[in-house]
Amino acid sequence: MNEISLYKKLTAKKFFLVGFMATGKTTVGKKLSYKLNIPFFDSDREIELALGCSINEYFKTHGETKFRVIEEKIIIEKINNNKDNDFIMSLGGGAYLNQNIRKLINFVGISIWLNGNINVIYNRLKKSKNERPLMITYNTKEKLERLLKERMLYYQRADIKVNIINTSKENMSNILLKQINEYMSMKNYEN
């Protein structure tokens, strides 16, 4: 695939990687950013910068409900105030459930759901060094699976669905590029 021709199709486009934790949104987002030569933002990192503490610390001190309010505010501000016409943003696993965030994403860009099965997700979470606040409550495969099923009702609203597979970052980013190109061709985006 010609990445330059794809880049030309992406003029003034914003891409949002959504999906459950441990599906590779940040990893693949960085790879896509490099390949397409457009900025990458991780919503969780942006939130931590704004808060001056980790999301885990904020969760422990203020709880999930207050975190979701802050998450919405920071993500919406980042999208609306960004000077870049093009960018890729990975969203935390719960962010796309927020109706205001979803509406804005649908208006300004294209959402891409990185869908993973519970076995891959659970194995990645067990190996991960990242502390994830929801892992305190959802600490078994069964509990995680219930949460994943609840969230899938929202994730499936994304414009593009890509099933993650156990492969290299390079190969996964190429799969996403192909899906994006097909979607944009189907939607007749101008060059």
C-alpha atoms as a PDB file:
ATOM      1  CA  MET A   1       0.000   0.000   0.000  1.00  0.00           C
ATOM      2  CA  ASN A   2       1.233   3.486  -0.821  1.00  0.00           C
ATOM      3  CA  GLU A   3       1.320   5.341   2.498  1.00  0.00           C
ATOM      4  CA  ILE A   4       1.758   8.723   0.810  1.00  0.00           C
ATOM      5  CA  SER A   5      -1.447   8.364  -1.219  1.00  0.00           C
ATOM      6  CA  LEU A   6      -3.240   7.296   1.951  1.00  0.00           C
ATOM      7  CA  TYR A   7      -1.794  10.329   3.753  1.00  0.00           C
ATOM      8  CA  LYS A   8      -3.222  12.617   1.068  1.00  0.00           C
ATOM      9  CA  LYS A   9      -6.667  11.127   1.653  1.00  0.00           C
ATOM     10  CA  LEU A  10      -6.325  11.901   5.341  1.00  0.00           C
ATOM     11  CA  THR A  11      -6.083  15.662   4.974  1.00  0.00           C
ATOM     12  CA  ALA A  12      -7.871  17.292   7.905  1.00  0.00           C
ATOM     13  CA  LYS A  13      -8.870  13.933   9.338  1.00  0.00           C
ATOM     14  CA  LYS A  14      -8.740  12.899  12.924  1.00  0.00           C
ATOM     15  CA  PHE A  15      -8.577   9.239  13.894  1.00  0.00           C
ATOM     16  CA  PHE A  16      -9.619   7.878  17.266  1.00  0.00           C
ATOM     17  CA  LEU A  17      -8.589   4.417  18.427  1.00  0.00           C
ATOM     18  CA  VAL A  18     -11.195   3.008  20.793  1.00  0.00           C
ATOM     19  CA  GLY A  19     -11.634  -0.296  22.539  1.00  0.00           C
ATOM     20  CA  PHE A  20     -11.015  -2.238  25.700  1.00  0.00           C
ATOM     21  CA  MET A  21      -7.841  -1.959  27.738  1.00  0.00           C
ATOM     22  CA  ALA A  22      -4.839  -3.976  26.503  1.00  0.00           C
ATOM     23  CA  THR A  23      -5.965  -4.053  22.868  1.00  0.00           C
ATOM     24  CA  GLY A  24      -2.922  -2.067  21.732  1.00  0.00           C
ATOM     25  CA  LYS A  25      -4.497   1.326  21.052  1.00  0.00           C
ATOM     26  CA  THR A  26      -1.460   3.301  22.195  1.00  0.00           C
ATOM     27  CA  THR A  27       1.117   0.987  20.643  1.00  0.00           C
ATOM     28  CA  VAL A  28      -0.603   0.848  17.262  1.00  0.00           C
ATOM     29  CA  GLY A  29      -1.483   4.545  17.431  1.00  0.00           C
ATOM     30  CA  LYS A  30       2.180   5.485  17.753  1.00  0.00           C
ATOM     31  CA  LYS A  31       3.066   3.226  14.830  1.00  0.00           C
ATOM     32  CA  LEU A  32       0.325   4.739  12.642  1.00  0.00           C
ATOM     33  CA  SER A  33       1.412   8.229  13.638  1.00  0.00           C
ATOM     34  CA  TYR A  34       4.934   7.484  12.471  1.00  0.00           C
ATOM     35  CA  LYS A  35       3.809   5.879   9.197  1.00  0.00           C
ATOM     36  CA  LEU A  36       1.395   8.669   8.330  1.00  0.00           C
ATOM     37  CA  ASN A  37       3.574  11.450   9.710  1.00  0.00           C
ATOM     38  CA  ILE A  38       0.780  12.945  11.811  1.00  0.00           C
ATOM     39  CA  PRO A  39       0.776  13.679  15.564  1.00  0.00           C
ATOM     40  CA  PHE A  40      -0.287  11.071  18.095  1.00  0.00           C
ATOM     41  CA  PHE A  41      -1.996  11.692  21.419  1.00  0.00           C
ATOM     42  CA  ASP A  42      -2.859   9.229  24.140  1.00  0.00           C
ATOM     43  CA  SER A  43      -5.882  10.492  26.068  1.00  0.00           C
ATOM     44  CA  ASP A  44      -4.719   8.834  29.289  1.00  0.00           C
ATOM     45  CA  ARG A  45      -1.342  10.570  29.035  1.00  0.00           C
ATOM     46  CA  GLU A  46      -3.030  13.914  28.314  1.00  0.00           C
ATOM     47  CA  ILE A  47      -5.224  13.432  31.392  1.00  0.00           C
ATOM     48  CA  GLU A  48      -2.227  12.595  33.584  1.00  0.00           C
ATOM     49  CA  LEU A  49      -0.393  15.697  32.352  1.00  0.00           C
ATOM     50  CA  ALA A  50      -3.419  17.872  33.146  1.00  0.00           C
ATOM     51  CA  LEU A  51      -3.963  16.279  36.579  1.00  0.00           C
ATOM     52  CA  GLY A  52      -0.321  16.164  37.588  1.00  0.00           C
ATOM     53  CA  CYS A  53      -0.739  12.607  38.831  1.00  0.00           C
ATOM     54  CA  SER A  54      -1.392   9.128  37.495  1.00  0.00           C
ATOM     55  CA  ILE A  55      -4.901   7.996  36.647  1.00  0.00           C
ATOM     56  CA  ASN A  56      -4.487   5.274  39.288  1.00  0.00           C
ATOM     57  CA  GLU A  57      -3.756   7.889  41.956  1.00  0.00           C
ATOM     58  CA  TYR A  58      -6.731   9.983  40.849  1.00  0.00           C
ATOM     59  CA  PHE A  59      -9.029   6.925  40.864  1.00  0.00           C
ATOM     60  CA  LYS A  60      -7.914   5.993  44.397  1.00  0.00           C
ATOM     61  CA  THR A  61      -8.389   9.511  45.736  1.00  0.00           C
ATOM     62  CA  HIS A  62     -11.487  10.700  43.865  1.00  0.00           C
ATOM     63  CA  GLY A  63     -13.152   7.602  42.404  1.00  0.00           C
ATOM     64  CA  GLU A  64     -14.265   6.645  38.909  1.00  0.00           C
ATOM     65  CA  THR A  65     -17.239   9.020  38.670  1.00  0.00           C
ATOM     66  CA  LYS A  66     -15.109  12.149  39.190  1.00  0.00           C
ATOM     67  CA  PHE A  67     -12.459  10.711  36.872  1.00  0.00           C
ATOM     68  CA  ARG A  68     -15.007  10.299  34.048  1.00  0.00           C
ATOM     69  CA  VAL A  69     -16.016  13.984  34.377  1.00  0.00           C
ATOM     70  CA  ILE A  70     -12.366  15.088  34.151  1.00  0.00           C
ATOM     71  CA  GLU A  71     -11.739  12.617  31.304  1.00  0.00           C
ATOM     72  CA  GLU A  72     -14.590  14.091  29.239  1.00  0.00           C
ATOM     73  CA  LYS A  73     -13.452  17.668  29.816  1.00  0.00           C
ATOM     74  CA  ILE A  74      -9.810  17.022  28.900  1.00  0.00           C
ATOM     75  CA  ILE A  75     -10.525  14.885  25.822  1.00  0.00           C
ATOM     76  CA  ILE A  76     -13.059  17.351  24.421  1.00  0.00           C
ATOM     77  CA  GLU A  77     -10.681  20.273  25.054  1.00  0.00           C
ATOM     78  CA  LYS A  78      -7.802  18.402  23.387  1.00  0.00           C
ATOM     79  CA  ILE A  79      -9.917  17.658  20.306  1.00  0.00           C
ATOM     80  CA  ASN A  80     -11.393  21.166  20.035  1.00  0.00           C
ATOM     81  CA  ASN A  81      -8.231  23.117  20.804  1.00  0.00           C
ATOM     82  CA  ASN A  82      -5.750  21.084  18.786  1.00  0.00           C
ATOM     83  CA  LYS A  83      -3.882  23.142  16.200  1.00  0.00           C
ATOM     84  CA  ASP A  84      -3.142  20.096  14.049  1.00  0.00           C
ATOM     85  CA  ASN A  85      -5.619  19.348  11.275  1.00  0.00           C
ATOM     86  CA  ASP A  86      -4.615  15.704  11.330  1.00  0.00           C
ATOM     87  CA  PHE A  87      -3.911  13.524  14.329  1.00  0.00           C
ATOM     88  CA  ILE A  88      -4.432  10.120  15.852  1.00  0.00           C
ATOM     89  CA  MET A  89      -5.678   9.778  19.409  1.00  0.00           C
ATOM     90  CA  SER A  90      -5.976   6.621  21.463  1.00  0.00           C
ATOM     91  CA  LEU A  91      -8.734   6.748  24.051  1.00  0.00           C
ATOM     92  CA  GLY A  92      -8.853   5.072  27.430  1.00  0.00           C
ATOM     93  CA  GLY A  93     -11.097   2.006  27.499  1.00  0.00           C
ATOM     94  CA  GLY A  94     -14.060   3.802  29.076  1.00  0.00           C
ATOM     95  CA  ALA A  95     -13.862   7.126  27.239  1.00  0.00           C
ATOM     96  CA  TYR A  96     -15.851   6.065  24.160  1.00  0.00           C
ATOM     97  CA  LEU A  97     -18.796   5.152  26.386  1.00  0.00           C
ATOM     98  CA  ASN A  98     -19.264   8.866  27.024  1.00  0.00           C
ATOM     99  CA  GLN A  99     -21.987  10.194  24.718  1.00  0.00           C
ATOM    100  CA  ASN A 100     -20.471  13.696  24.428  1.00  0.00           C
ATOM    101  CA  ILE A 101     -17.076  12.314  23.462  1.00  0.00           C
ATOM    102  CA  ARG A 102     -18.656   9.914  20.947  1.00  0.00           C
ATOM    103  CA  LYS A 103     -20.730  12.686  19.341  1.00  0.00           C
ATOM    104  CA  LEU A 104     -17.695  14.936  18.935  1.00  0.00           C
ATOM    105  CA  ILE A 105     -15.603  12.106  17.494  1.00  0.00           C
ATOM    106  CA  ASN A 106     -18.372  11.257  15.018  1.00  0.00           C
ATOM    107  CA  PHE A 107     -18.489  14.910  13.969  1.00  0.00           C
ATOM    108  CA  VAL A 108     -14.768  15.585  13.545  1.00  0.00           C
ATOM    109  CA  GLY A 109     -13.193  12.252  12.721  1.00  0.00           C
ATOM    110  CA  ILE A 110     -13.211   8.530  12.263  1.00  0.00           C
ATOM    111  CA  SER A 111     -13.384   6.034  15.111  1.00  0.00           C
ATOM    112  CA  ILE A 112     -11.538   2.732  14.897  1.00  0.00           C
ATOM    113  CA  TRP A 113     -12.451  -0.057  17.286  1.00  0.00           C
ATOM    114  CA  LEU A 114      -9.596  -2.392  18.143  1.00  0.00           C
ATOM    115  CA  ASN A 115     -11.552  -5.476  19.101  1.00  0.00           C
ATOM    116  CA  GLY A 116      -9.902  -8.249  21.032  1.00  0.00           C
ATOM    117  CA  ASN A 117     -11.104 -11.499  22.493  1.00  0.00           C
ATOM    118  CA  ILE A 118     -11.039 -11.924  26.238  1.00  0.00           C
ATOM    119  CA  ASN A 119      -8.236 -14.514  26.209  1.00  0.00           C
ATOM    120  CA  VAL A 120      -5.787 -12.198  24.439  1.00  0.00           C
ATOM    121  CA  ILE A 121      -6.824  -9.242  26.615  1.00  0.00           C
ATOM    122  CA  TYR A 122      -6.592 -11.188  29.873  1.00  0.00           C
ATOM    123  CA  ASN A 123      -3.166 -12.603  29.008  1.00  0.00           C
ATOM    124  CA  ARG A 124      -1.870  -9.153  28.077  1.00  0.00           C
ATOM    125  CA  LEU A 125      -3.206  -7.657  31.309  1.00  0.00           C
ATOM    126  CA  LYS A 126      -1.582 -10.398  33.394  1.00  0.00           C
ATOM    127  CA  LYS A 127       1.797  -9.685  31.750  1.00  0.00           C
ATOM    128  CA  SER A 128       1.430  -5.893  31.761  1.00  0.00           C
ATOM    129  CA  LYS A 129       3.494  -3.690  34.038  1.00  0.00           C
ATOM    130  CA  ASN A 130       0.917  -0.897  33.700  1.00  0.00           C
ATOM    131  CA  GLU A 131      -1.363  -0.521  36.680  1.00  0.00           C
ATOM    132  CA  ARG A 132      -4.924  -0.197  35.529  1.00  0.00           C
ATOM    133  CA  PRO A 133      -7.423   1.133  38.063  1.00  0.00           C
ATOM    134  CA  LEU A 134     -10.293  -1.083  36.923  1.00  0.00           C
ATOM    135  CA  MET A 135      -8.180  -4.202  37.496  1.00  0.00           C
ATOM    136  CA  ILE A 136      -8.821  -3.800  41.227  1.00  0.00           C
ATOM    137  CA  THR A 137     -12.541  -4.462  40.724  1.00  0.00           C
ATOM    138  CA  TYR A 138     -12.359  -6.539  37.543  1.00  0.00           C
ATOM    139  CA  ASN A 139      -9.591  -8.842  38.699  1.00  0.00           C
ATOM    140  CA  THR A 140     -10.751 -12.125  37.183  1.00  0.00           C
ATOM    141  CA  LYS A 141     -11.205 -13.217  33.609  1.00  0.00           C
ATOM    142  CA  GLU A 142     -14.955 -13.633  34.177  1.00  0.00           C
ATOM    143  CA  LYS A 143     -15.387 -10.113  35.585  1.00  0.00           C
ATOM    144  CA  LEU A 144     -13.333  -8.644  32.750  1.00  0.00           C
ATOM    145  CA  GLU A 145     -15.419 -10.521  30.215  1.00  0.00           C
ATOM    146  CA  ARG A 146     -18.641  -9.074  31.668  1.00  0.00           C
ATOM    147  CA  LEU A 147     -17.189  -5.551  31.476  1.00  0.00           C
ATOM    148  CA  LEU A 148     -16.006  -6.151  27.914  1.00  0.00           C
ATOM    149  CA  LYS A 149     -19.483  -7.334  26.863  1.00  0.00           C
ATOM    150  CA  GLU A 150     -21.081  -4.227  28.418  1.00  0.00           C
ATOM    151  CA  ARG A 151     -18.644  -1.926  26.638  1.00  0.00           C
ATOM    152  CA  MET A 152     -18.945  -3.685  23.286  1.00  0.00           C
ATOM    153  CA  LEU A 153     -22.407  -2.126  22.923  1.00  0.00           C
ATOM    154  CA  TYR A 154     -20.611   1.219  22.588  1.00  0.00           C
ATOM    155  CA  TYR A 155     -17.449   0.083  20.803  1.00  0.00           C
ATOM    156  CA  GLN A 156     -19.471  -1.483  17.988  1.00  0.00           C
ATOM    157  CA  ARG A 157     -20.712   2.010  17.061  1.00  0.00           C
ATOM    158  CA  ALA A 158     -17.219   2.873  15.780  1.00  0.00           C
ATOM    159  CA  ASP A 159     -16.782   3.550  12.068  1.00  0.00           C
ATOM    160  CA  ILE A 160     -14.176   0.825  11.558  1.00  0.00           C
ATOM    161  CA  LYS A 161     -13.768  -2.473  13.402  1.00  0.00           C
ATOM    162  CA  VAL A 162     -10.398  -4.213  13.410  1.00  0.00           C
ATOM    163  CA  ASN A 163      -9.871  -7.508  15.203  1.00  0.00           C
ATOM    164  CA  ILE A 164      -6.545  -7.531  16.971  1.00  0.00           C
ATOM    165  CA  ILE A 165      -4.380 -10.550  16.491  1.00  0.00           C
ATOM    166  CA  ASN A 166      -1.164 -11.719  18.082  1.00  0.00           C
ATOM    167  CA  THR A 167       1.278 -10.334  15.565  1.00  0.00           C
ATOM    168  CA  SER A 168       3.966  -7.676  15.355  1.00  0.00           C
ATOM    169  CA  LYS A 169       3.177  -3.983  15.866  1.00  0.00           C
ATOM    170  CA  GLU A 170       4.295  -3.463  12.275  1.00  0.00           C
ATOM    171  CA  ASN A 171       1.862  -6.023  10.896  1.00  0.00           C
ATOM    172  CA  MET A 172      -1.011  -4.783  13.077  1.00  0.00           C
ATOM    173  CA  SER A 173      -0.435  -1.188  11.945  1.00  0.00           C
ATOM    174  CA  ASN A 174      -0.430  -2.352   8.302  1.00  0.00           C
ATOM    175  CA  ILE A 175      -3.751  -4.135   8.894  1.00  0.00           C
ATOM    176  CA  LEU A 176      -5.179  -0.890  10.293  1.00  0.00           C
ATOM    177  CA  LEU A 177      -3.849   1.153   7.364  1.00  0.00           C
ATOM    178  CA  LYS A 178      -5.540  -1.239   4.968  1.00  0.00           C
ATOM    179  CA  GLN A 179      -8.852  -1.001   6.868  1.00  0.00           C
ATOM    180  CA  ILE A 180      -8.636   2.814   6.963  1.00  0.00           C
ATOM    181  CA  ASN A 181      -7.905   2.959   3.242  1.00  0.00           C
ATOM    182  CA  GLU A 182     -10.857   0.667   2.449  1.00  0.00           C
ATOM    183  CA  TYR A 183     -13.168   2.697   4.669  1.00  0.00           C
ATOM    184  CA  MET A 184     -12.070   6.002   3.146  1.00  0.00           C
ATOM    185  CA  SER A 185     -12.424   4.635  -0.389  1.00  0.00           C
ATOM    186  CA  MET A 186     -15.872   3.315   0.439  1.00  0.00           C
ATOM    187  CA  LYS A 187     -16.896   6.693   1.867  1.00  0.00           C
ATOM    188  CA  ASN A 188     -15.411   8.468  -1.180  1.00  0.00           C
ATOM    189  CA  TYR A 189     -13.128  10.794   0.734  1.00  0.00           C
ATOM    190  CA  GLU A 190     -11.494  13.237  -1.640  1.00  0.00           C
ATOM    191  CA  ASN A 191      -7.759  13.133  -2.390  1.00  0.00           C
END
